[in-house]
C-alpha atoms as a PDB file:
ATOM      1  CA  MET A   1     127.614 -48.345-129.002  1.00  0.00           C
ATOM      2  CA  SER A   2     125.533 -50.556-131.278  1.00  0.00           C
ATOM      3  CA  ALA A   3     121.855 -51.045-130.555  1.00  0.00           C
ATOM      4  CA  ALA A   4     120.502 -54.581-130.419  1.00  0.00           C
ATOM      5  CA  ARG A   5     118.553 -55.575-133.511  1.00  0.00           C
ATOM      6  CA  TYR A   6     116.940 -58.730-132.152  1.00  0.00           C
ATOM      7  CA  ILE A   7     115.289 -59.916-128.958  1.00  0.00           C
ATOM      8  CA  TRP A   8     114.161 -63.423-128.023  1.00  0.00           C
ATOM      9  CA  ILE A   9     110.449 -63.757-127.208  1.00  0.00           C
ATOM     10  CA  ASP A  10     108.955 -67.083-126.102  1.00  0.00           C
ATOM     11  CA  ASP A  11     110.471 -69.452-128.661  1.00  0.00           C
ATOM     12  CA  SER A  12     112.095 -67.380-131.397  1.00  0.00           C
ATOM     13  CA  LEU A  13     114.098 -64.319-132.323  1.00  0.00           C
ATOM     14  CA  ARG A  14     112.088 -61.212-133.135  1.00  0.00           C
ATOM     15  CA  PRO A  15     112.986 -57.661-134.176  1.00  0.00           C
ATOM     16  CA  ALA A  16     113.984 -55.633-131.129  1.00  0.00           C
ATOM     17  CA  SER A  17     111.061 -53.284-131.755  1.00  0.00           C
ATOM     18  CA  GLU A  18     108.720 -56.114-130.713  1.00  0.00           C
ATOM     19  CA  GLY A  19     110.287 -56.327-127.270  1.00  0.00           C
ATOM     20  CA  MET A  20     107.356 -54.957-125.280  1.00  0.00           C
ATOM     21  CA  VAL A  21     105.687 -56.307-122.135  1.00  0.00           C
ATOM     22  CA  PRO A  22     101.853 -56.168-122.053  1.00  0.00           C
ATOM     23  CA  PHE A  23     100.678 -53.327-119.818  1.00  0.00           C
ATOM     24  CA  LEU A  24      98.006 -55.472-118.147  1.00  0.00           C
ATOM     25  CA  SER A  25     100.269 -58.164-116.777  1.00  0.00           C
ATOM     26  CA  ALA A  26     101.463 -59.079-113.303  1.00  0.00           C
ATOM     27  CA  GLY A  27     105.028 -58.717-114.556  1.00  0.00           C
ATOM     28  CA  MET A  28     104.433 -55.060-115.381  1.00  0.00           C
ATOM     29  CA  GLN A  29     101.884 -54.119-112.728  1.00  0.00           C
ATOM     30  CA  PHE A  30     103.311 -55.963-109.721  1.00  0.00           C
ATOM     31  CA  GLY A  31     106.922 -56.745-110.625  1.00  0.00           C
ATOM     32  CA  PHE A  32     106.171 -60.466-110.723  1.00  0.00           C
ATOM     33  CA  SER A  33     109.061 -61.658-112.831  1.00  0.00           C
ATOM     34  CA  VAL A  34     112.417 -63.321-112.306  1.00  0.00           C
ATOM     35  CA  PHE A  35     115.553 -62.515-114.228  1.00  0.00           C
ATOM     36  CA  GLU A  36     119.295 -62.937-114.523  1.00  0.00           C
ATOM     37  CA  GLY A  37     122.164 -60.601-115.279  1.00  0.00           C
ATOM     38  CA  ILE A  38     124.856 -62.402-117.277  1.00  0.00           C
ATOM     39  CA  ARG A  39     127.915 -61.235-119.181  1.00  0.00           C
ATOM     40  CA  CYS A  40     129.336 -62.324-122.479  1.00  0.00           C
ATOM     41  CA  TYR A  41     133.035 -61.487-122.816  1.00  0.00           C
ATOM     42  CA  SER A  42     135.279 -61.108-125.830  1.00  0.00           C
ATOM     43  CA  THR A  43     138.112 -63.651-125.864  1.00  0.00           C
ATOM     44  CA  ASP A  44     140.778 -64.696-128.369  1.00  0.00           C
ATOM     45  CA  LYS A  45     138.514 -67.614-129.288  1.00  0.00           C
ATOM     46  CA  GLY A  46     135.419 -65.477-129.782  1.00  0.00           C
ATOM     47  CA  PRO A  47     132.543 -64.421-127.510  1.00  0.00           C
ATOM     48  CA  ALA A  48     131.986 -66.527-124.387  1.00  0.00           C
ATOM     49  CA  VAL A  49     129.352 -66.393-121.655  1.00  0.00           C
ATOM     50  CA  PHE A  50     130.586 -66.326-118.066  1.00  0.00           C
ATOM     51  CA  ARG A  51     129.202 -69.143-115.909  1.00  0.00           C
ATOM     52  CA  MET A  52     126.228 -69.729-118.174  1.00  0.00           C
ATOM     53  CA  ASN A  53     125.060 -72.918-116.449  1.00  0.00           C
ATOM     54  CA  GLU A  54     125.019 -71.375-112.982  1.00  0.00           C
ATOM     55  CA  HIS A  55     123.078 -68.340-114.165  1.00  0.00           C
ATOM     56  CA  VAL A  56     120.515 -70.437-116.033  1.00  0.00           C
ATOM     57  CA  ASP A  57     120.082 -72.719-113.030  1.00  0.00           C
ATOM     58  CA  ARG A  58     119.522 -69.700-110.765  1.00  0.00           C
ATOM     59  CA  LEU A  59     116.917 -68.289-113.173  1.00  0.00           C
ATOM     60  CA  LEU A  60     114.941 -71.523-113.038  1.00  0.00           C
ATOM     61  CA  ASP A  61     115.438 -71.786-109.275  1.00  0.00           C
ATOM     62  CA  SER A  62     114.027 -68.259-108.913  1.00  0.00           C
ATOM     63  CA  ALA A  63     111.005 -69.225-110.996  1.00  0.00           C
ATOM     64  CA  HIS A  64     110.454 -72.280-108.780  1.00  0.00           C
ATOM     65  CA  ILE A  65     110.810 -70.258-105.574  1.00  0.00           C
ATOM     66  CA  VAL A  66     108.122 -67.736-106.536  1.00  0.00           C
ATOM     67  CA  GLY A  67     105.730 -70.501-107.584  1.00  0.00           C
ATOM     68  CA  PHE A  68     105.786 -70.634-111.381  1.00  0.00           C
ATOM     69  CA  ARG A  69     104.535 -73.957-112.716  1.00  0.00           C
ATOM     70  CA  ASP A  70     104.850 -75.516-116.169  1.00  0.00           C
ATOM     71  CA  LEU A  71     107.599 -73.200-117.390  1.00  0.00           C
ATOM     72  CA  PRO A  72     107.729 -72.617-121.140  1.00  0.00           C
ATOM     73  CA  VAL A  73     111.480 -73.364-121.283  1.00  0.00           C
ATOM     74  CA  THR A  74     114.038 -75.875-120.073  1.00  0.00           C
ATOM     75  CA  ALA A  75     117.603 -75.039-119.053  1.00  0.00           C
ATOM     76  CA  GLU A  76     118.867 -76.171-122.456  1.00  0.00           C
ATOM     77  CA  GLN A  77     116.327 -73.971-124.261  1.00  0.00           C
ATOM     78  CA  VAL A  78     117.372 -70.961-122.155  1.00  0.00           C
ATOM     79  CA  ARG A  79     121.019 -71.516-123.060  1.00  0.00           C
ATOM     80  CA  MET A  80     120.142 -71.868-126.738  1.00  0.00           C
ATOM     81  CA  ALA A  81     118.063 -68.678-126.690  1.00  0.00           C
ATOM     82  CA  ILE A  82     120.894 -66.734-125.030  1.00  0.00           C
ATOM     83  CA  ASN A  83     123.441 -67.926-127.580  1.00  0.00           C
ATOM     84  CA  GLN A  84     121.202 -67.179-130.545  1.00  0.00           C
ATOM     85  CA  THR A  85     120.316 -63.712-129.270  1.00  0.00           C
ATOM     86  CA  ILE A  86     123.986 -62.799-128.803  1.00  0.00           C
ATOM     87  CA  THR A  87     124.990 -64.078-132.210  1.00  0.00           C
ATOM     88  CA  ALA A  88     122.029 -62.563-134.074  1.00  0.00           C
ATOM     89  CA  ASN A  89     123.015 -59.155-132.719  1.00  0.00           C
ATOM     90  CA  GLU A  90     126.671 -59.763-133.671  1.00  0.00           C
ATOM     91  CA  PHE A  91     127.971 -58.728-130.254  1.00  0.00           C
ATOM     92  CA  SER A  92     131.441 -59.881-129.252  1.00  0.00           C
ATOM     93  CA  ALA A  93     130.769 -58.723-125.683  1.00  0.00           C
ATOM     94  CA  CYS A  94     127.491 -57.759-124.046  1.00  0.00           C
ATOM     95  CA  TYR A  95     125.199 -57.861-121.033  1.00  0.00           C
ATOM     96  CA  ILE A  96     122.467 -60.513-121.142  1.00  0.00           C
ATOM     97  CA  ARG A  97     119.053 -60.259-119.502  1.00  0.00           C
ATOM     98  CA  PRO A  98     116.887 -63.423-119.607  1.00  0.00           C
ATOM     99  CA  MET A  99     113.542 -63.011-117.869  1.00  0.00           C
ATOM    100  CA  ILE A 100     110.433 -65.032-117.080  1.00  0.00           C
ATOM    101  CA  TYR A 101     107.458 -62.800-116.341  1.00  0.00           C
ATOM    102  CA  LEU A 102     103.823 -63.472-115.469  1.00  0.00           C
ATOM    103  CA  ASP A 103     101.499 -62.385-118.266  1.00  0.00           C
ATOM    104  CA  GLY A 104      97.930 -61.592-117.262  1.00  0.00           C
ATOM    105  CA  ALA A 105      97.121 -62.542-113.651  1.00  0.00           C
ATOM    106  CA  MET A 106      95.589 -59.198-112.767  1.00  0.00           C
ATOM    107  CA  SER A 107      93.630 -61.105-110.110  1.00  0.00           C
ATOM    108  CA  MET A 108      97.001 -61.570-108.381  1.00  0.00           C
ATOM    109  CA  THR A 109      97.439 -65.334-108.419  1.00  0.00           C
ATOM    110  CA  VAL A 110     100.108 -67.197-110.362  1.00  0.00           C
ATOM    111  CA  GLU A 111      97.618 -69.649-111.859  1.00  0.00           C
ATOM    112  CA  ALA A 112      95.571 -66.799-113.343  1.00  0.00           C
ATOM    113  CA  GLY A 113      98.335 -65.939-115.824  1.00  0.00           C
ATOM    114  CA  ARG A 114     100.984 -67.625-117.899  1.00  0.00           C
ATOM    115  CA  PRO A 115     104.778 -67.402-117.778  1.00  0.00           C
ATOM    116  CA  ARG A 116     106.480 -65.733-120.735  1.00  0.00           C
ATOM    117  CA  PHE A 117     110.190 -65.971-121.560  1.00  0.00           C
ATOM    118  CA  VAL A 118     112.344 -63.220-123.082  1.00  0.00           C
ATOM    119  CA  VAL A 119     116.056 -62.567-123.610  1.00  0.00           C
ATOM    120  CA  ALA A 120     117.549 -59.151-124.326  1.00  0.00           C
ATOM    121  CA  VAL A 121     121.210 -58.224-124.851  1.00  0.00           C
ATOM    122  CA  TRP A 122     123.014 -54.906-124.978  1.00  0.00           C
ATOM    123  CA  GLU A 123     126.503 -53.445-124.884  1.00  0.00           C
ATOM    124  CA  TRP A 124     127.303 -52.274-121.353  1.00  0.00           C
ATOM    125  CA  LYS A 125     130.869 -51.732-120.192  1.00  0.00           C
ATOM    126  CA  ASN A 126     131.102 -49.481-117.145  1.00  0.00           C
ATOM    127  CA  PHE A 127     128.237 -49.948-114.708  1.00  0.00           C
ATOM    128  CA  LEU A 128     129.832 -47.886-111.923  1.00  0.00           C
ATOM    129  CA  GLY A 129     131.751 -45.520-114.196  1.00  0.00           C
ATOM    130  CA  ALA A 130     134.971 -45.686-116.195  1.00  0.00           C
ATOM    131  CA  GLU A 131     137.225 -44.701-113.266  1.00  0.00           C
ATOM    132  CA  ALA A 132     135.628 -46.942-110.631  1.00  0.00           C
ATOM    133  CA  LYS A 133     138.013 -49.848-111.119  1.00  0.00           C
ATOM    134  CA  GLU A 134     141.115 -47.721-110.694  1.00  0.00           C
ATOM    135  CA  ARG A 135     140.004 -45.222-108.053  1.00  0.00           C
ATOM    136  CA  GLY A 136     137.312 -47.102-106.177  1.00  0.00           C
ATOM    137  CA  ILE A 137     133.956 -45.557-105.324  1.00  0.00           C
ATOM    138  CA  ARG A 138     132.270 -43.790-102.404  1.00  0.00           C
ATOM    139  CA  ALA A 139     129.377 -45.419-100.556  1.00  0.00           C
ATOM    140  CA  ASN A 140     127.131 -44.814 -97.582  1.00  0.00           C
ATOM    141  CA  ILE A 141     124.824 -46.859 -95.398  1.00  0.00           C
ATOM    142  CA  ALA A 142     121.323 -46.647 -96.849  1.00  0.00           C
ATOM    143  CA  SER A 143     118.314 -45.669 -94.771  1.00  0.00           C
ATOM    144  CA  PHE A 144     116.493 -48.555 -96.496  1.00  0.00           C
ATOM    145  CA  THR A 145     116.872 -52.049 -95.016  1.00  0.00           C
ATOM    146  CA  ARG A 146     117.499 -55.155 -97.076  1.00  0.00           C
ATOM    147  CA  LEU A 147     114.284 -57.168 -97.418  1.00  0.00           C
ATOM    148  CA  HIS A 148     113.478 -59.610 -94.633  1.00  0.00           C
ATOM    149  CA  PRO A 149     113.311 -63.244 -95.857  1.00  0.00           C
ATOM    150  CA  ASN A 150     109.705 -63.486 -94.630  1.00  0.00           C
ATOM    151  CA  ILE A 151     108.726 -60.373 -96.586  1.00  0.00           C
ATOM    152  CA  MET A 152     110.203 -61.386 -99.929  1.00  0.00           C
ATOM    153  CA  MET A 153     112.097 -64.367-101.260  1.00  0.00           C
ATOM    154  CA  THR A 154     115.666 -63.116-100.988  1.00  0.00           C
ATOM    155  CA  LYS A 155     117.150 -66.152-102.748  1.00  0.00           C
ATOM    156  CA  ALA A 156     115.140 -65.445-105.884  1.00  0.00           C
ATOM    157  CA  LYS A 157     116.186 -62.727-108.304  1.00  0.00           C
ATOM    158  CA  VAL A 158     112.733 -61.145-108.437  1.00  0.00           C
ATOM    159  CA  SER A 159     112.161 -57.866-110.264  1.00  0.00           C
ATOM    160  CA  GLY A 160     110.014 -56.420-107.477  1.00  0.00           C
ATOM    161  CA  ASN A 161     112.836 -56.939-104.958  1.00  0.00           C
ATOM    162  CA  TYR A 162     114.812 -54.203-106.663  1.00  0.00           C
ATOM    163  CA  VAL A 163     112.426 -51.348-105.866  1.00  0.00           C
ATOM    164  CA  SER A 164     114.197 -50.932-102.518  1.00  0.00           C
ATOM    165  CA  SER A 165     117.557 -51.052-104.304  1.00  0.00           C
ATOM    166  CA  ILE A 166     116.503 -48.241-106.634  1.00  0.00           C
ATOM    167  CA  LEU A 167     115.285 -46.164-103.702  1.00  0.00           C
ATOM    168  CA  ALA A 168     118.518 -46.754-101.776  1.00  0.00           C
ATOM    169  CA  LYS A 169     120.832 -46.019-104.697  1.00  0.00           C
ATOM    170  CA  THR A 170     118.888 -42.921-105.712  1.00  0.00           C
ATOM    171  CA  GLU A 171     119.075 -41.633-102.140  1.00  0.00           C
ATOM    172  CA  SER A 172     122.827 -42.240-102.049  1.00  0.00           C
ATOM    173  CA  GLN A 173     123.566 -40.618-105.383  1.00  0.00           C
ATOM    174  CA  ARG A 174     121.473 -37.572-104.512  1.00  0.00           C
ATOM    175  CA  ALA A 175     123.620 -37.288-101.367  1.00  0.00           C
ATOM    176  CA  GLY A 176     126.778 -37.357-103.489  1.00  0.00           C
ATOM    177  CA  PHE A 177     127.788 -41.015-103.131  1.00  0.00           C
ATOM    178  CA  ASP A 178     128.164 -43.650-105.850  1.00  0.00           C
ATOM    179  CA  GLU A 179     126.549 -46.649-104.175  1.00  0.00           C
ATOM    180  CA  ALA A 180     124.522 -47.653-101.120  1.00  0.00           C
ATOM    181  CA  ILE A 181     125.247 -50.390 -98.581  1.00  0.00           C
ATOM    182  CA  MET A 182     122.106 -52.013 -97.209  1.00  0.00           C
ATOM    183  CA  LEU A 183     121.903 -53.475 -93.722  1.00  0.00           C
ATOM    184  CA  GLY A 184     119.768 -56.517 -93.049  1.00  0.00           C
ATOM    185  CA  PRO A 185     116.801 -56.570 -90.637  1.00  0.00           C
ATOM    186  CA  ASP A 186     119.252 -57.748 -87.944  1.00  0.00           C
ATOM    187  CA  GLY A 187     121.323 -54.564 -88.308  1.00  0.00           C
ATOM    188  CA  TYR A 188     124.332 -56.285 -89.854  1.00  0.00           C
ATOM    189  CA  VAL A 189     125.694 -55.601 -93.338  1.00  0.00           C
ATOM    190  CA  ALA A 190     123.784 -57.456 -96.063  1.00  0.00           C
ATOM    191  CA  GLU A 191     124.858 -56.263 -99.519  1.00  0.00           C
ATOM    192  CA  CYS A 192     124.827 -53.254-101.806  1.00  0.00           C
ATOM    193  CA  THR A 193     121.972 -52.400-104.143  1.00  0.00           C
ATOM    194  CA  GLY A 194     123.204 -54.815-106.785  1.00  0.00           C
ATOM    195  CA  GLU A 195     126.511 -56.168-105.494  1.00  0.00           C
ATOM    196  CA  ASN A 196     127.835 -58.478-102.797  1.00  0.00           C
ATOM    197  CA  LEU A 197     130.345 -57.082-100.326  1.00  0.00           C
ATOM    198  CA  PHE A 198     133.722 -58.197 -98.921  1.00  0.00           C
ATOM    199  CA  THR A 199     136.086 -56.720 -96.356  1.00  0.00           C
ATOM    200  CA  VAL A 200     139.773 -57.386 -95.784  1.00  0.00           C
ATOM    201  CA  ARG A 201     141.556 -57.159 -92.438  1.00  0.00           C
ATOM    202  CA  ASN A 202     145.043 -58.478 -91.722  1.00  0.00           C
ATOM    203  CA  LYS A 203     145.006 -60.221 -95.119  1.00  0.00           C
ATOM    204  CA  ILE A 204     141.907 -62.270 -94.233  1.00  0.00           C
ATOM    205  CA  ILE A 205     138.851 -61.781 -96.454  1.00  0.00           C
ATOM    206  CA  TYR A 206     135.430 -61.603 -94.813  1.00  0.00           C
ATOM    207  CA  THR A 207     132.028 -61.685 -96.460  1.00  0.00           C
ATOM    208  CA  THR A 208     128.467 -61.717 -95.237  1.00  0.00           C
ATOM    209  CA  PRO A 209     126.589 -65.004 -94.573  1.00  0.00           C
ATOM    210  CA  ARG A 210     124.466 -66.388 -97.397  1.00  0.00           C
ATOM    211  CA  ALA A 211     121.152 -66.609 -95.555  1.00  0.00           C
ATOM    212  CA  GLY A 212     120.026 -63.011 -96.076  1.00  0.00           C
ATOM    213  CA  ILE A 213     121.603 -62.161 -99.429  1.00  0.00           C
ATOM    214  CA  LEU A 214     121.304 -63.074-103.063  1.00  0.00           C
ATOM    215  CA  GLU A 215     124.147 -65.562-103.493  1.00  0.00           C
ATOM    216  CA  GLY A 216     126.036 -63.869-106.283  1.00  0.00           C
ATOM    217  CA  ILE A 217     127.733 -65.971-108.926  1.00  0.00           C
ATOM    218  CA  THR A 218     130.532 -63.402-109.164  1.00  0.00           C
ATOM    219  CA  ARG A 219     130.770 -63.617-105.359  1.00  0.00           C
ATOM    220  CA  ASP A 220     131.201 -67.378-105.576  1.00  0.00           C
ATOM    221  CA  SER A 221     133.818 -66.942-108.295  1.00  0.00           C
ATOM    222  CA  LEU A 222     135.850 -64.485-106.205  1.00  0.00           C
ATOM    223  CA  ILE A 223     135.768 -66.753-103.163  1.00  0.00           C
ATOM    224  CA  THR A 224     137.238 -69.526-105.312  1.00  0.00           C
ATOM    225  CA  LEU A 225     139.846 -67.222-106.881  1.00  0.00           C
ATOM    226  CA  ALA A 226     140.831 -65.854-103.471  1.00  0.00           C
ATOM    227  CA  ARG A 227     141.356 -69.338-102.064  1.00  0.00           C
ATOM    228  CA  ASP A 228     143.336 -70.275-105.175  1.00  0.00           C
ATOM    229  CA  LEU A 229     145.657 -67.349-104.290  1.00  0.00           C
ATOM    230  CA  GLY A 230     146.037 -68.635-100.745  1.00  0.00           C
ATOM    231  CA  TYR A 231     143.742 -66.205 -98.932  1.00  0.00           C
ATOM    232  CA  SER A 232     141.434 -67.317 -96.134  1.00  0.00           C
ATOM    233  CA  VAL A 233     137.799 -66.402 -96.783  1.00  0.00           C
ATOM    234  CA  VAL A 234     135.457 -66.263 -93.792  1.00  0.00           C
ATOM    235  CA  GLU A 235     131.667 -65.956 -93.972  1.00  0.00           C
ATOM    236  CA  GLU A 236     130.379 -64.253 -90.828  1.00  0.00           C
ATOM    237  CA  PRO A 237     128.199 -61.302 -89.786  1.00  0.00           C
ATOM    238  CA  ILE A 238     129.806 -57.917 -90.478  1.00  0.00           C
ATOM    239  CA  SER A 239     128.820 -54.852 -88.479  1.00  0.00           C
ATOM    240  CA  ARG A 240     128.676 -51.345 -89.881  1.00  0.00           C
ATOM    241  CA  ASP A 241     131.669 -50.174 -87.830  1.00  0.00           C
ATOM    242  CA  GLN A 242     133.770 -53.096 -89.042  1.00  0.00           C
ATOM    243  CA  LEU A 243     133.543 -51.571 -92.501  1.00  0.00           C
ATOM    244  CA  TYR A 244     135.116 -48.340 -91.283  1.00  0.00           C
ATOM    245  CA  ILE A 245     138.206 -50.020 -89.812  1.00  0.00           C
ATOM    246  CA  ALA A 246     138.756 -52.561 -92.599  1.00  0.00           C
ATOM    247  CA  ASP A 247     142.020 -52.479 -94.537  1.00  0.00           C
ATOM    248  CA  GLU A 248     139.997 -52.869 -97.732  1.00  0.00           C
ATOM    249  CA  VAL A 249     136.354 -53.122 -98.758  1.00  0.00           C
ATOM    250  CA  PHE A 250     135.292 -54.230-102.208  1.00  0.00           C
ATOM    251  CA  VAL A 251     132.091 -55.198-103.943  1.00  0.00           C
ATOM    252  CA  CYS A 252     131.335 -57.496-106.844  1.00  0.00           C
ATOM    253  CA  GLY A 253     128.557 -58.362-109.254  1.00  0.00           C
ATOM    254  CA  THR A 254     127.945 -59.256-112.866  1.00  0.00           C
ATOM    255  CA  ALA A 255     127.588 -55.608-113.891  1.00  0.00           C
ATOM    256  CA  ALA A 256     130.080 -54.071-111.450  1.00  0.00           C
ATOM    257  CA  GLU A 257     132.654 -56.897-111.664  1.00  0.00           C
ATOM    258  CA  VAL A 258     135.218 -56.108-108.884  1.00  0.00           C
ATOM    259  CA  VAL A 259     135.341 -52.574-107.455  1.00  0.00           C
ATOM    260  CA  ALA A 260     136.891 -51.139-104.269  1.00  0.00           C
ATOM    261  CA  LEU A 261     135.054 -48.859-101.852  1.00  0.00           C
ATOM    262  CA  ARG A 262     137.514 -46.085-101.060  1.00  0.00           C
ATOM    263  CA  GLU A 263     135.197 -44.247 -98.677  1.00  0.00           C
ATOM    264  CA  ILE A 264     132.131 -45.185 -96.601  1.00  0.00           C
ATOM    265  CA  ASP A 265     130.037 -42.638 -94.707  1.00  0.00           C
ATOM    266  CA  PHE A 266     132.741 -39.972 -95.171  1.00  0.00           C
ATOM    267  CA  ARG A 267     135.368 -42.285 -93.651  1.00  0.00           C
ATOM    268  CA  VAL A 268     138.376 -43.195 -95.788  1.00  0.00           C
ATOM    269  CA  ILE A 269     138.877 -46.948 -96.078  1.00  0.00           C
ATOM    270  CA  GLY A 270     142.484 -48.101 -95.824  1.00  0.00           C
ATOM    271  CA  ASP A 271     144.658 -45.988 -98.091  1.00  0.00           C
ATOM    272  CA  GLY A 272     141.659 -44.493 -99.880  1.00  0.00           C
ATOM    273  CA  LYS A 273     142.128 -46.576-103.020  1.00  0.00           C
ATOM    274  CA  ALA A 274     141.958 -50.183-104.192  1.00  0.00           C
ATOM    275  CA  GLY A 275     144.213 -52.213-101.907  1.00  0.00           C
ATOM    276  CA  PRO A 276     146.511 -55.125-102.770  1.00  0.00           C
ATOM    277  CA  VAL A 277     143.942 -57.865-102.181  1.00  0.00           C
ATOM    278  CA  THR A 278     141.323 -56.083-104.274  1.00  0.00           C
ATOM    279  CA  ARG A 279     143.827 -55.481-107.065  1.00  0.00           C
ATOM    280  CA  ALA A 280     144.962 -59.101-107.003  1.00  0.00           C
ATOM    281  CA  LEU A 281     141.365 -60.284-107.388  1.00  0.00           C
ATOM    282  CA  GLN A 282     140.669 -57.725-110.112  1.00  0.00           C
ATOM    283  CA  HIS A 283     143.682 -59.050-111.989  1.00  0.00           C
ATOM    284  CA  GLU A 284     142.616 -62.680-111.592  1.00  0.00           C
ATOM    285  CA  PHE A 285     139.044 -61.901-112.610  1.00  0.00           C
ATOM    286  CA  ASP A 286     140.182 -59.993-115.711  1.00  0.00           C
ATOM    287  CA  LYS A 287     142.350 -62.934-116.752  1.00  0.00           C
ATOM    288  CA  LEU A 288     139.466 -65.284-116.093  1.00  0.00           C
ATOM    289  CA  VAL A 289     136.872 -63.527-118.240  1.00  0.00           C
ATOM    290  CA  SER A 290     139.311 -62.844-121.084  1.00  0.00           C
ATOM    291  CA  GLY A 291     140.007 -66.569-121.422  1.00  0.00           C
ATOM    292  CA  LYS A 292     143.574 -66.430-120.068  1.00  0.00           C
ATOM    293  CA  HIS A 293     143.123 -68.081-116.662  1.00  0.00           C
ATOM    294  CA  ALA A 294     143.419 -71.719-115.619  1.00  0.00           C
ATOM    295  CA  ARG A 295     139.696 -71.692-114.752  1.00  0.00           C
ATOM    296  CA  SER A 296     138.560 -69.992-117.978  1.00  0.00           C
ATOM    297  CA  ALA A 297     137.801 -73.254-119.771  1.00  0.00           C
ATOM    298  CA  GLU A 298     135.634 -74.321-116.831  1.00  0.00           C
ATOM    299  CA  TRP A 299     133.662 -71.080-116.498  1.00  0.00           C
ATOM    300  CA  LEU A 300     133.468 -69.588-119.998  1.00  0.00           C
ATOM    301  CA  ALA A 301     130.963 -71.055-122.466  1.00  0.00           C
ATOM    302  CA  PRO A 302     131.833 -70.218-126.096  1.00  0.00           C
ATOM    303  CA  VAL A 303     128.947 -68.827-128.129  1.00  0.00           C
ATOM    304  CA  PRO A 304     128.386 -71.089-131.161  1.00  0.00           C
ATOM    305  CA  ALA A 305     127.779 -69.701-134.625  1.00  0.00           C
ATOM    306  CA  LEU A 306     124.141 -69.049-135.450  1.00  0.00           C
ATOM    307  CA  ASN A 307     122.292 -70.747-138.263  1.00  0.00           C
ATOM    308  CA  ALA A 308     121.116 -67.796-140.362  1.00  0.00           C
ATOM    309  CA  ALA A 309     117.777 -69.535-140.889  1.00  0.00           C
ATOM    310  CA  ALA A 310     117.043 -69.098-137.171  1.00  0.00           C
ATOM    311  CA  VAL A 311     116.829 -65.329-137.508  1.00  0.00           C
ATOM    312  CA  ARG A 312     113.338 -64.202-138.360  1.00  0.00           C
ATOM    313  CA  SER A 313     113.403 -61.449-140.948  1.00  0.00           C
END
């Protein structure tokens, strides 16, 4: 795996060694930053970023939600920075992490600091393990509850929101599971630590309502792909015990892509492996991100060649 050589900081490419966040900053001290997780895929026509516009829009929406003002970048500048960072590092496929963090502001107000913009990329292929796609993974219900909307902004992808995800996933893995499922404050299923969740029963796909979750872009993509295949997709509350009796349960996210849950709380789900609906969506998603699907042209943004003069030596 090749290490990244360049990182984007503020308005230009810099050597990766310069990619450090100031210790005395609200971004570091209090987790006051917003970010995106995006994937660049290798296609026959070169590297392409999956749903670039939607991810960039959500980054800027997150910044607006938490109260940033006078951002140092526009949507077009974010897209340009992402493309240049990918190309400078000569990655054909990679994970992309744009972030806007609050520098300074140790007095704990947004106006006391200034927003800084960075983009990092790295090669990352198997977030949940090499065998997860084929075998599915084991999960349990976390003892940690998904954040209440009046405690944190659940529609913003805020760094500090993920402390509870780390606690939940660490707890689950120490107990021998692969992933944790988090319930909302109402006791119904919300999402996993970094993935949205779907169930299948009698060939109907169910997913949790949008109000209490981060509305995943991969989630939105799968809903569209499922309806293209003729499946009904229903958004409604899902109880913990409905998971146990589902024919299939699967999760999705930028890092995880599409992965089945073969067991939850020591209960085998369906046949104990990825079911036919999950496999059909895995197949469609793989075609999509490799540039071989009818929707690929709509959702994949080719990475343009980089002007060598843009790379700072």
